Amino acid sequence: MSRFHNRNFELLEPYDAKVSCTVLRGESLRKGADLLDKEYYEALQSVNNLVKDARKVQKTVLLVGEISEIYVTNFQKIIDDENFTEAEMTAIGNGYAILLNESADLLAEVKDIISASSLSMSDAERMAIIDQVYTKVKYHRDFVSYYTKKNISISLIRAKKKGDTQRVLELYGNQDDRYW
């Protein structure tokens, strides 16, 4: 075995191979010595900001999905709830429609910002608008949730007056399902 080893493999003499490693540079006395590193990190930071904003775009889309889910799930229950008149259900439905349309408009605004038609905008301008839209959509999601909770609590108050609380609690979910 050792004869095979010696015949096919030659050992390298010490220092025959150049070992490469990453060198971190500190401040240099030479002017502009760290310019390449500074440009690299600035570019990396801008890419990082774009990635963060891409995540914000994704979160914005998810928030609009949550708004739709809150509406779909709870408006059907409101329709089935005997504690609302037809006129009240129409008004509640109109309220949801307004909130859903505003959320969809905000999502369309994000789509316009990230499309090729807005090439004249700088990345900083895009990021600022995406931040604003995300904040508005988050507010809309919270407002739709609040709107839903208030409608359910109106039904619950009316049910208590009629002694029908258990039916309303079952309609809108059991103790584990209830988020309101």
C-alpha atoms as a PDB file:
ATOM      1  CA  MET A   1       0.000   0.000   0.000  1.00  0.00           C
ATOM      2  CA  SER A   2       2.733   2.445   0.874  1.00  0.00           C
ATOM      3  CA  ARG A   3       4.543   1.616  -2.384  1.00  0.00           C
ATOM      4  CA  PHE A   4       1.362   2.536  -4.333  1.00  0.00           C
ATOM      5  CA  HIS A   5       1.040   5.729  -2.383  1.00  0.00           C
ATOM      6  CA  ASN A   6       4.633   6.801  -3.021  1.00  0.00           C
ATOM      7  CA  ARG A   7       4.554   5.966  -6.702  1.00  0.00           C
ATOM      8  CA  ASN A   8       1.352   7.862  -7.670  1.00  0.00           C
ATOM      9  CA  PHE A   9       1.508  10.834  -5.389  1.00  0.00           C
ATOM     10  CA  GLU A  10       4.347  13.204  -4.858  1.00  0.00           C
ATOM     11  CA  LEU A  11       4.349  15.358  -1.811  1.00  0.00           C
ATOM     12  CA  LEU A  12       4.454  19.078  -2.287  1.00  0.00           C
ATOM     13  CA  GLU A  13       7.425  20.874  -0.919  1.00  0.00           C
ATOM     14  CA  PRO A  14       6.530  23.326   1.802  1.00  0.00           C
ATOM     15  CA  TYR A  15       5.306  26.648   0.401  1.00  0.00           C
ATOM     16  CA  ASP A  16       4.891  25.300  -3.138  1.00  0.00           C
ATOM     17  CA  ALA A  17       1.224  26.297  -3.222  1.00  0.00           C
ATOM     18  CA  LYS A  18       0.047  29.837  -2.781  1.00  0.00           C
ATOM     19  CA  VAL A  19      -2.703  29.981  -0.222  1.00  0.00           C
ATOM     20  CA  SER A  20      -5.337  32.638  -0.838  1.00  0.00           C
ATOM     21  CA  CYS A  21      -7.477  34.168   1.835  1.00  0.00           C
ATOM     22  CA  THR A  22      -9.801  37.091   2.282  1.00  0.00           C
ATOM     23  CA  VAL A  23      -8.129  40.178   3.611  1.00  0.00           C
ATOM     24  CA  LEU A  24     -10.164  42.843   5.348  1.00  0.00           C
ATOM     25  CA  ARG A  25      -8.730  46.279   4.840  1.00  0.00           C
ATOM     26  CA  GLY A  26      -8.935  49.038   7.358  1.00  0.00           C
ATOM     27  CA  GLU A  27      -8.409  52.716   6.806  1.00  0.00           C
ATOM     28  CA  SER A  28      -5.527  53.433   4.521  1.00  0.00           C
ATOM     29  CA  LEU A  29      -3.261  56.435   4.486  1.00  0.00           C
ATOM     30  CA  ARG A  30      -3.418  56.454   0.686  1.00  0.00           C
ATOM     31  CA  LYS A  31      -6.246  58.562  -0.700  1.00  0.00           C
ATOM     32  CA  GLY A  32      -8.902  56.471  -2.460  1.00  0.00           C
ATOM     33  CA  ALA A  33      -7.508  53.128  -1.322  1.00  0.00           C
ATOM     34  CA  ASP A  34     -10.849  52.083   0.151  1.00  0.00           C
ATOM     35  CA  LEU A  35     -12.941  53.566  -2.666  1.00  0.00           C
ATOM     36  CA  LEU A  36     -13.626  50.192  -4.254  1.00  0.00           C
ATOM     37  CA  ASP A  37     -14.809  48.756  -0.949  1.00  0.00           C
ATOM     38  CA  LYS A  38     -17.004  51.792  -0.259  1.00  0.00           C
ATOM     39  CA  GLU A  39     -18.634  51.608  -3.702  1.00  0.00           C
ATOM     40  CA  TYR A  40     -19.175  47.885  -3.274  1.00  0.00           C
ATOM     41  CA  TYR A  41     -20.882  48.285   0.097  1.00  0.00           C
ATOM     42  CA  GLU A  42     -23.016  51.199  -1.135  1.00  0.00           C
ATOM     43  CA  ALA A  43     -24.151  49.092  -4.092  1.00  0.00           C
ATOM     44  CA  LEU A  44     -24.807  46.172  -1.761  1.00  0.00           C
ATOM     45  CA  GLN A  45     -26.855  48.436   0.508  1.00  0.00           C
ATOM     46  CA  SER A  46     -28.980  49.656  -2.406  1.00  0.00           C
ATOM     47  CA  VAL A  47     -29.604  46.071  -3.509  1.00  0.00           C
ATOM     48  CA  ASN A  48     -30.478  45.229   0.094  1.00  0.00           C
ATOM     49  CA  ASN A  49     -33.010  48.098   0.128  1.00  0.00           C
ATOM     50  CA  LEU A  50     -34.521  46.836  -3.124  1.00  0.00           C
ATOM     51  CA  VAL A  51     -34.818  43.347  -1.667  1.00  0.00           C
ATOM     52  CA  LYS A  52     -36.483  44.768   1.445  1.00  0.00           C
ATOM     53  CA  ASP A  53     -38.925  46.638  -0.770  1.00  0.00           C
ATOM     54  CA  ALA A  54     -39.571  43.498  -2.778  1.00  0.00           C
ATOM     55  CA  ARG A  55     -40.529  41.899   0.522  1.00  0.00           C
ATOM     56  CA  LYS A  56     -42.757  44.891   1.266  1.00  0.00           C
ATOM     57  CA  VAL A  57     -44.451  44.415  -2.095  1.00  0.00           C
ATOM     58  CA  GLN A  58     -45.028  40.767  -1.208  1.00  0.00           C
ATOM     59  CA  LYS A  59     -46.339  41.739   2.236  1.00  0.00           C
ATOM     60  CA  THR A  60     -48.639  44.306   0.622  1.00  0.00           C
ATOM     61  CA  VAL A  61     -50.122  41.659  -1.656  1.00  0.00           C
ATOM     62  CA  LEU A  62     -50.587  39.347   1.333  1.00  0.00           C
ATOM     63  CA  LEU A  63     -52.314  42.118   3.294  1.00  0.00           C
ATOM     64  CA  VAL A  64     -54.766  42.675   0.448  1.00  0.00           C
ATOM     65  CA  GLY A  65     -55.398  38.925   0.539  1.00  0.00           C
ATOM     66  CA  GLU A  66     -56.099  39.144   4.281  1.00  0.00           C
ATOM     67  CA  ILE A  67     -58.554  41.981   3.655  1.00  0.00           C
ATOM     68  CA  SER A  68     -60.380  39.860   1.097  1.00  0.00           C
ATOM     69  CA  GLU A  69     -60.405  36.870   3.453  1.00  0.00           C
ATOM     70  CA  ILE A  70     -61.855  38.928   6.313  1.00  0.00           C
ATOM     71  CA  TYR A  71     -64.566  40.201   3.990  1.00  0.00           C
ATOM     72  CA  VAL A  72     -65.451  36.845   2.427  1.00  0.00           C
ATOM     73  CA  THR A  73     -65.510  34.964   5.711  1.00  0.00           C
ATOM     74  CA  ASN A  74     -67.422  37.472   7.787  1.00  0.00           C
ATOM     75  CA  PHE A  75     -69.803  39.129   5.353  1.00  0.00           C
ATOM     76  CA  GLN A  76     -71.410  35.772   4.623  1.00  0.00           C
ATOM     77  CA  LYS A  77     -71.914  35.324   8.367  1.00  0.00           C
ATOM     78  CA  ILE A  78     -73.412  38.810   8.621  1.00  0.00           C
ATOM     79  CA  ILE A  79     -75.856  37.898   5.845  1.00  0.00           C
ATOM     80  CA  ASP A  80     -76.850  34.803   7.842  1.00  0.00           C
ATOM     81  CA  ASP A  81     -77.204  36.857  11.041  1.00  0.00           C
ATOM     82  CA  GLU A  82     -80.811  37.638  11.982  1.00  0.00           C
ATOM     83  CA  ASN A  83     -79.744  40.675  14.013  1.00  0.00           C
ATOM     84  CA  PHE A  84     -79.228  42.875  10.932  1.00  0.00           C
ATOM     85  CA  THR A  85     -81.926  44.350   8.746  1.00  0.00           C
ATOM     86  CA  GLU A  86     -81.674  44.209   4.980  1.00  0.00           C
ATOM     87  CA  ALA A  87     -80.827  47.918   4.862  1.00  0.00           C
ATOM     88  CA  GLU A  88     -78.060  47.421   7.429  1.00  0.00           C
ATOM     89  CA  MET A  89     -76.616  44.497   5.466  1.00  0.00           C
ATOM     90  CA  THR A  90     -76.634  46.657   2.339  1.00  0.00           C
ATOM     91  CA  ALA A  91     -74.821  49.434   4.201  1.00  0.00           C
ATOM     92  CA  ILE A  92     -72.288  46.975   5.653  1.00  0.00           C
ATOM     93  CA  GLY A  93     -71.751  45.494   2.190  1.00  0.00           C
ATOM     94  CA  ASN A  94     -71.210  48.974   0.737  1.00  0.00           C
ATOM     95  CA  GLY A  95     -68.688  49.700   3.481  1.00  0.00           C
ATOM     96  CA  TYR A  96     -66.772  46.534   2.645  1.00  0.00           C
ATOM     97  CA  ALA A  97     -66.927  47.372  -1.084  1.00  0.00           C
ATOM     98  CA  ILE A  98     -65.379  50.792  -0.488  1.00  0.00           C
ATOM     99  CA  LEU A  99     -62.598  49.328   1.651  1.00  0.00           C
ATOM    100  CA  LEU A 100     -61.906  46.530  -0.838  1.00  0.00           C
ATOM    101  CA  ASN A 101     -61.797  48.957  -3.775  1.00  0.00           C
ATOM    102  CA  GLU A 102     -59.400  51.274  -1.957  1.00  0.00           C
ATOM    103  CA  SER A 103     -57.133  48.318  -1.154  1.00  0.00           C
ATOM    104  CA  ALA A 104     -57.236  47.147  -4.772  1.00  0.00           C
ATOM    105  CA  ASP A 105     -56.359  50.670  -5.938  1.00  0.00           C
ATOM    106  CA  LEU A 106     -53.361  50.699  -3.613  1.00  0.00           C
ATOM    107  CA  LEU A 107     -52.260  47.335  -4.975  1.00  0.00           C
ATOM    108  CA  ALA A 108     -52.588  48.692  -8.521  1.00  0.00           C
ATOM    109  CA  GLU A 109     -50.398  51.622  -7.467  1.00  0.00           C
ATOM    110  CA  VAL A 110     -47.693  49.186  -6.351  1.00  0.00           C
ATOM    111  CA  LYS A 111     -47.987  47.357  -9.660  1.00  0.00           C
ATOM    112  CA  ASP A 112     -47.506  50.630 -11.546  1.00  0.00           C
ATOM    113  CA  ILE A 113     -44.461  51.518  -9.455  1.00  0.00           C
ATOM    114  CA  ILE A 114     -42.665  48.259 -10.127  1.00  0.00           C
ATOM    115  CA  SER A 115     -43.572  48.142 -13.828  1.00  0.00           C
ATOM    116  CA  ALA A 116     -41.331  49.276 -16.670  1.00  0.00           C
ATOM    117  CA  SER A 117     -43.528  52.326 -17.361  1.00  0.00           C
ATOM    118  CA  SER A 118     -42.116  54.069 -14.307  1.00  0.00           C
ATOM    119  CA  LEU A 119     -38.463  53.872 -15.333  1.00  0.00           C
ATOM    120  CA  SER A 120     -38.026  57.608 -14.806  1.00  0.00           C
ATOM    121  CA  MET A 121     -38.348  57.112 -11.054  1.00  0.00           C
ATOM    122  CA  SER A 122     -35.264  56.584  -8.959  1.00  0.00           C
ATOM    123  CA  ASP A 123     -34.981  53.581  -6.672  1.00  0.00           C
ATOM    124  CA  ALA A 124     -35.288  55.893  -3.664  1.00  0.00           C
ATOM    125  CA  GLU A 125     -38.554  57.332  -5.002  1.00  0.00           C
ATOM    126  CA  ARG A 126     -39.894  53.838  -5.656  1.00  0.00           C
ATOM    127  CA  MET A 127     -38.913  52.668  -2.184  1.00  0.00           C
ATOM    128  CA  ALA A 128     -40.588  55.673  -0.568  1.00  0.00           C
ATOM    129  CA  ILE A 129     -43.845  55.091  -2.459  1.00  0.00           C
ATOM    130  CA  ILE A 130     -43.792  51.357  -1.723  1.00  0.00           C
ATOM    131  CA  ASP A 131     -43.350  52.171   1.985  1.00  0.00           C
ATOM    132  CA  GLN A 132     -46.312  54.572   1.856  1.00  0.00           C
ATOM    133  CA  VAL A 133     -48.539  52.093   0.055  1.00  0.00           C
ATOM    134  CA  TYR A 134     -47.590  49.283   2.443  1.00  0.00           C
ATOM    135  CA  THR A 135     -48.470  51.491   5.410  1.00  0.00           C
ATOM    136  CA  LYS A 136     -51.819  52.426   3.842  1.00  0.00           C
ATOM    137  CA  VAL A 137     -52.697  48.808   3.037  1.00  0.00           C
ATOM    138  CA  LYS A 138     -51.746  47.741   6.556  1.00  0.00           C
ATOM    139  CA  TYR A 139     -54.040  50.478   7.876  1.00  0.00           C
ATOM    140  CA  HIS A 140     -56.824  49.229   5.561  1.00  0.00           C
ATOM    141  CA  ARG A 141     -56.386  45.669   6.815  1.00  0.00           C
ATOM    142  CA  ASP A 142     -56.590  46.863  10.410  1.00  0.00           C
ATOM    143  CA  PHE A 143     -59.599  49.016   9.579  1.00  0.00           C
ATOM    144  CA  VAL A 144     -61.453  46.145   7.841  1.00  0.00           C
ATOM    145  CA  SER A 145     -60.773  44.005  10.895  1.00  0.00           C
ATOM    146  CA  TYR A 146     -62.050  46.779  13.193  1.00  0.00           C
ATOM    147  CA  TYR A 147     -65.108  47.316  10.970  1.00  0.00           C
ATOM    148  CA  THR A 148     -65.890  43.600  11.122  1.00  0.00           C
ATOM    149  CA  LYS A 149     -65.442  43.441  14.897  1.00  0.00           C
ATOM    150  CA  LYS A 150     -67.769  46.416  15.398  1.00  0.00           C
ATOM    151  CA  ASN A 151     -70.467  44.836  13.225  1.00  0.00           C
ATOM    152  CA  ILE A 152     -70.183  41.567  15.138  1.00  0.00           C
ATOM    153  CA  SER A 153     -70.381  43.391  18.461  1.00  0.00           C
ATOM    154  CA  ILE A 154     -73.572  45.154  17.314  1.00  0.00           C
ATOM    155  CA  SER A 155     -75.055  41.750  16.587  1.00  0.00           C
ATOM    156  CA  LEU A 156     -73.872  40.453  19.947  1.00  0.00           C
ATOM    157  CA  ILE A 157     -75.461  43.397  21.808  1.00  0.00           C
ATOM    158  CA  ARG A 158     -78.740  42.816  19.973  1.00  0.00           C
ATOM    159  CA  ALA A 159     -78.548  39.089  20.685  1.00  0.00           C
ATOM    160  CA  LYS A 160     -78.057  39.726  24.416  1.00  0.00           C
ATOM    161  CA  LYS A 161     -81.210  41.835  24.459  1.00  0.00           C
ATOM    162  CA  LYS A 162     -83.116  38.949  22.842  1.00  0.00           C
ATOM    163  CA  GLY A 163     -81.440  36.260  24.958  1.00  0.00           C
ATOM    164  CA  ASP A 164     -79.934  34.756  21.811  1.00  0.00           C
ATOM    165  CA  THR A 165     -76.239  35.199  22.603  1.00  0.00           C
ATOM    166  CA  GLN A 166     -75.224  31.570  22.130  1.00  0.00           C
ATOM    167  CA  ARG A 167     -76.483  31.484  18.525  1.00  0.00           C
ATOM    168  CA  VAL A 168     -74.462  34.575  17.606  1.00  0.00           C
ATOM    169  CA  LEU A 169     -71.352  33.219  19.299  1.00  0.00           C
ATOM    170  CA  GLU A 170     -71.725  29.977  17.350  1.00  0.00           C
ATOM    171  CA  LEU A 171     -72.344  31.853  14.100  1.00  0.00           C
ATOM    172  CA  TYR A 172     -69.131  33.838  14.326  1.00  0.00           C
ATOM    173  CA  GLY A 173     -67.017  31.008  15.681  1.00  0.00           C
ATOM    174  CA  ASN A 174     -66.375  29.077  18.834  1.00  0.00           C
ATOM    175  CA  GLN A 175     -64.022  30.284  21.554  1.00  0.00           C
ATOM    176  CA  ASP A 176     -60.923  29.013  19.715  1.00  0.00           C
ATOM    177  CA  ASP A 177     -61.967  30.423  16.319  1.00  0.00           C
ATOM    178  CA  ARG A 178     -62.957  33.855  17.534  1.00  0.00           C
ATOM    179  CA  TYR A 179     -60.405  36.542  16.808  1.00  0.00           C
ATOM    180  CA  TRP A 180     -62.729  39.353  17.714  1.00  0.00           C
END
